[in-house]
Amino acid sequence: MLHHIEIYVSDLTKTITFWDWLFTELNYEKYQKWDNGISWKYRETYIVFVQAEERFMDVPFHRCRVGLNHLAFHAKSKEHVNELTGKLKERGIKILYSDKHPYAGGTKHYAVYFEDPDRIKVEIVAPVE
């Protein structure tokens, strides 16, 4: 089982605004908070976001470089994916692969894809029925 993930971000305030409502929707709870970071926890696993130091922000994140490509989370159902998709749109968050949504990952993969403020791709996927 994964213990935790720690991600450095360019703007912690924007990151908190983006992820707080989403983690609430996914049943994560705020776990830790300090001046330069925050974490949310679900069961035994937690995700940490830390403000990157200015000296390390000269090269922005890109998911096609070596390293993290995306984060994928479980939805409760297809209806949950649809509900979250609507809330993302209400917040002005662009849905990736909208021409293939919700089957951008294949005909048996019901999901929504989008990006956080640092362009980290996020996927919310429904269970296979």
C-alpha atoms as a PDB file:
ATOM      1  CA  MET A   1       0.000   0.000   0.000  1.00  0.00           C
ATOM      2  CA  LEU A   2       1.200   3.488  -0.816  1.00  0.00           C
ATOM      3  CA  HIS A   3       2.036   5.497   2.324  1.00  0.00           C
ATOM      4  CA  HIS A   4       2.123   9.052   0.912  1.00  0.00           C
ATOM      5  CA  ILE A   5       2.922  11.203  -2.097  1.00  0.00           C
ATOM      6  CA  GLU A   6       4.612  14.596  -1.771  1.00  0.00           C
ATOM      7  CA  ILE A   7       4.284  17.105  -4.607  1.00  0.00           C
ATOM      8  CA  TYR A   8       5.988  20.488  -4.798  1.00  0.00           C
ATOM      9  CA  VAL A   9       3.788  23.244  -6.258  1.00  0.00           C
ATOM     10  CA  SER A  10       4.296  26.726  -7.676  1.00  0.00           C
ATOM     11  CA  ASP A  11       1.468  28.438  -5.739  1.00  0.00           C
ATOM     12  CA  LEU A  12       0.272  26.745  -2.558  1.00  0.00           C
ATOM     13  CA  THR A  13      -2.785  29.017  -2.217  1.00  0.00           C
ATOM     14  CA  LYS A  14      -4.055  28.108  -5.700  1.00  0.00           C
ATOM     15  CA  THR A  15      -3.300  24.461  -5.019  1.00  0.00           C
ATOM     16  CA  ILE A  16      -5.317  24.478  -1.790  1.00  0.00           C
ATOM     17  CA  THR A  17      -8.269  26.161  -3.506  1.00  0.00           C
ATOM     18  CA  PHE A  18      -8.187  23.608  -6.307  1.00  0.00           C
ATOM     19  CA  TRP A  19      -7.734  20.432  -4.286  1.00  0.00           C
ATOM     20  CA  ASP A  20      -9.719  21.172  -1.107  1.00  0.00           C
ATOM     21  CA  TRP A  21     -13.199  20.838  -2.649  1.00  0.00           C
ATOM     22  CA  LEU A  22     -12.125  17.875  -4.793  1.00  0.00           C
ATOM     23  CA  PHE A  23     -10.641  15.933  -1.900  1.00  0.00           C
ATOM     24  CA  THR A  24     -13.806  16.610   0.096  1.00  0.00           C
ATOM     25  CA  GLU A  25     -15.814  15.093  -2.789  1.00  0.00           C
ATOM     26  CA  LEU A  26     -13.504  12.046  -2.732  1.00  0.00           C
ATOM     27  CA  ASN A  27     -13.821  11.589   1.070  1.00  0.00           C
ATOM     28  CA  TYR A  28     -10.298  12.731   1.906  1.00  0.00           C
ATOM     29  CA  GLU A  29      -9.834  14.700   5.125  1.00  0.00           C
ATOM     30  CA  LYS A  30      -7.371  17.477   5.851  1.00  0.00           C
ATOM     31  CA  TYR A  31      -4.519  15.826   7.682  1.00  0.00           C
ATOM     32  CA  GLN A  32      -1.647  18.270   8.252  1.00  0.00           C
ATOM     33  CA  LYS A  33      -1.127  21.986   7.630  1.00  0.00           C
ATOM     34  CA  TRP A  34       1.890  24.230   8.098  1.00  0.00           C
ATOM     35  CA  ASP A  35       3.120  27.492   6.573  1.00  0.00           C
ATOM     36  CA  ASN A  36       4.554  25.889   3.446  1.00  0.00           C
ATOM     37  CA  GLY A  37       2.391  22.819   3.014  1.00  0.00           C
ATOM     38  CA  ILE A  38      -0.801  20.866   3.486  1.00  0.00           C
ATOM     39  CA  SER A  39      -1.915  17.272   3.241  1.00  0.00           C
ATOM     40  CA  TRP A  40      -5.151  15.341   2.846  1.00  0.00           C
ATOM     41  CA  LYS A  41      -5.627  11.740   3.942  1.00  0.00           C
ATOM     42  CA  TYR A  42      -7.862   8.856   2.898  1.00  0.00           C
ATOM     43  CA  ARG A  43      -7.574   5.773   5.082  1.00  0.00           C
ATOM     44  CA  GLU A  44      -3.831   5.138   5.480  1.00  0.00           C
ATOM     45  CA  THR A  45      -2.589   7.108   2.464  1.00  0.00           C
ATOM     46  CA  TYR A  46      -2.026  10.845   2.332  1.00  0.00           C
ATOM     47  CA  ILE A  47      -1.108  13.380  -0.332  1.00  0.00           C
ATOM     48  CA  VAL A  48       1.132  16.307   0.539  1.00  0.00           C
ATOM     49  CA  PHE A  49       1.531  19.584  -1.353  1.00  0.00           C
ATOM     50  CA  VAL A  50       4.504  21.798  -0.500  1.00  0.00           C
ATOM     51  CA  GLN A  51       5.308  25.284  -1.773  1.00  0.00           C
ATOM     52  CA  ALA A  52       8.415  25.049  -3.976  1.00  0.00           C
ATOM     53  CA  GLU A  53      11.225  27.447  -3.248  1.00  0.00           C
ATOM     54  CA  GLU A  54      11.623  30.272  -5.763  1.00  0.00           C
ATOM     55  CA  ARG A  55      15.055  28.999  -6.826  1.00  0.00           C
ATOM     56  CA  PHE A  56      13.461  25.767  -8.121  1.00  0.00           C
ATOM     57  CA  MET A  57      10.609  27.301 -10.106  1.00  0.00           C
ATOM     58  CA  ASP A  58      12.529  28.195 -13.280  1.00  0.00           C
ATOM     59  CA  VAL A  59      11.313  25.056 -15.100  1.00  0.00           C
ATOM     60  CA  PRO A  60       7.563  24.409 -14.887  1.00  0.00           C
ATOM     61  CA  PHE A  61       6.090  20.934 -14.495  1.00  0.00           C
ATOM     62  CA  HIS A  62       5.202  18.973 -17.606  1.00  0.00           C
ATOM     63  CA  ARG A  63       3.688  15.500 -17.374  1.00  0.00           C
ATOM     64  CA  CYS A  64       5.555  14.255 -20.461  1.00  0.00           C
ATOM     65  CA  ARG A  65       8.977  14.807 -18.875  1.00  0.00           C
ATOM     66  CA  VAL A  66      10.596  12.155 -16.734  1.00  0.00           C
ATOM     67  CA  GLY A  67       8.597  11.840 -13.530  1.00  0.00           C
ATOM     68  CA  LEU A  68       4.947  11.920 -12.610  1.00  0.00           C
ATOM     69  CA  ASN A  69       2.434  11.699 -15.471  1.00  0.00           C
ATOM     70  CA  HIS A  70      -0.874  11.902 -13.603  1.00  0.00           C
ATOM     71  CA  LEU A  71      -2.803  11.107 -10.450  1.00  0.00           C
ATOM     72  CA  ALA A  72      -5.837   8.821 -10.754  1.00  0.00           C
ATOM     73  CA  PHE A  73      -8.547   8.522  -8.112  1.00  0.00           C
ATOM     74  CA  HIS A  74     -11.494   6.186  -7.664  1.00  0.00           C
ATOM     75  CA  ALA A  75     -15.012   7.538  -8.144  1.00  0.00           C
ATOM     76  CA  LYS A  76     -17.949   5.815  -6.468  1.00  0.00           C
ATOM     77  CA  SER A  77     -19.810   5.294  -9.745  1.00  0.00           C
ATOM     78  CA  LYS A  78     -20.356   6.610 -13.255  1.00  0.00           C
ATOM     79  CA  GLU A  79     -22.874   9.019 -11.759  1.00  0.00           C
ATOM     80  CA  HIS A  80     -20.169  10.292  -9.417  1.00  0.00           C
ATOM     81  CA  VAL A  81     -17.878  10.917 -12.413  1.00  0.00           C
ATOM     82  CA  ASN A  82     -20.727  12.830 -14.103  1.00  0.00           C
ATOM     83  CA  GLU A  83     -21.404  14.873 -10.967  1.00  0.00           C
ATOM     84  CA  LEU A  84     -17.718  15.782 -10.584  1.00  0.00           C
ATOM     85  CA  THR A  85     -17.490  16.645 -14.287  1.00  0.00           C
ATOM     86  CA  GLY A  86     -20.340  19.135 -13.824  1.00  0.00           C
ATOM     87  CA  LYS A  87     -18.672  20.673 -10.771  1.00  0.00           C
ATOM     88  CA  LEU A  88     -15.359  20.965 -12.618  1.00  0.00           C
ATOM     89  CA  LYS A  89     -17.076  22.796 -15.469  1.00  0.00           C
ATOM     90  CA  GLU A  90     -18.866  25.105 -12.999  1.00  0.00           C
ATOM     91  CA  ARG A  91     -15.445  26.004 -11.600  1.00  0.00           C
ATOM     92  CA  GLY A  92     -14.127  26.778 -15.078  1.00  0.00           C
ATOM     93  CA  ILE A  93     -11.769  23.799 -15.102  1.00  0.00           C
ATOM     94  CA  LYS A  94     -11.129  22.498 -18.609  1.00  0.00           C
ATOM     95  CA  ILE A  95     -12.025  18.873 -19.255  1.00  0.00           C
ATOM     96  CA  LEU A  96      -9.220  17.166 -21.171  1.00  0.00           C
ATOM     97  CA  TYR A  97     -10.075  14.998 -24.183  1.00  0.00           C
ATOM     98  CA  SER A  98     -13.607  16.428 -24.137  1.00  0.00           C
ATOM     99  CA  ASP A  99     -14.289  15.053 -27.617  1.00  0.00           C
ATOM    100  CA  LYS A 100     -13.926  11.517 -26.194  1.00  0.00           C
ATOM    101  CA  HIS A 101     -15.308  12.147 -22.694  1.00  0.00           C
ATOM    102  CA  PRO A 102     -16.108  10.045 -20.677  1.00  0.00           C
ATOM    103  CA  TYR A 103     -14.451   7.221 -22.630  1.00  0.00           C
ATOM    104  CA  ALA A 104     -11.094   8.890 -23.399  1.00  0.00           C
ATOM    105  CA  GLY A 105      -9.332   5.961 -21.722  1.00  0.00           C
ATOM    106  CA  GLY A 106     -11.219   3.363 -23.779  1.00  0.00           C
ATOM    107  CA  THR A 107     -14.737   1.996 -24.140  1.00  0.00           C
ATOM    108  CA  LYS A 108     -14.619   0.222 -20.756  1.00  0.00           C
ATOM    109  CA  HIS A 109     -12.899   3.065 -18.870  1.00  0.00           C
ATOM    110  CA  TYR A 110     -15.398   5.704 -17.661  1.00  0.00           C
ATOM    111  CA  ALA A 111     -13.456   8.712 -16.383  1.00  0.00           C
ATOM    112  CA  VAL A 112     -12.922  12.453 -16.414  1.00  0.00           C
ATOM    113  CA  TYR A 113      -9.504  14.016 -17.023  1.00  0.00           C
ATOM    114  CA  PHE A 114      -8.402  17.545 -16.107  1.00  0.00           C
ATOM    115  CA  GLU A 115      -5.395  19.489 -14.795  1.00  0.00           C
ATOM    116  CA  ASP A 116      -4.573  21.169 -11.513  1.00  0.00           C
ATOM    117  CA  PRO A 117      -3.040  24.699 -11.355  1.00  0.00           C
ATOM    118  CA  ASP A 118       0.450  23.306 -12.095  1.00  0.00           C
ATOM    119  CA  ARG A 119      -0.900  21.251 -15.011  1.00  0.00           C
ATOM    120  CA  ILE A 120      -0.646  17.955 -13.178  1.00  0.00           C
ATOM    121  CA  LYS A 121      -3.160  15.723 -14.947  1.00  0.00           C
ATOM    122  CA  VAL A 122      -5.861  14.303 -12.708  1.00  0.00           C
ATOM    123  CA  GLU A 123      -8.158  11.405 -13.538  1.00  0.00           C
ATOM    124  CA  ILE A 124     -11.297  10.361 -11.694  1.00  0.00           C
ATOM    125  CA  VAL A 125     -12.355   6.874 -12.794  1.00  0.00           C
ATOM    126  CA  ALA A 126     -15.553   4.935 -12.173  1.00  0.00           C
ATOM    127  CA  PRO A 127     -15.485   1.298 -11.092  1.00  0.00           C
ATOM    128  CA  VAL A 128     -15.923  -1.285 -13.848  1.00  0.00           C
ATOM    129  CA  GLU A 129     -19.473  -2.564 -13.846  1.00  0.00           C
END
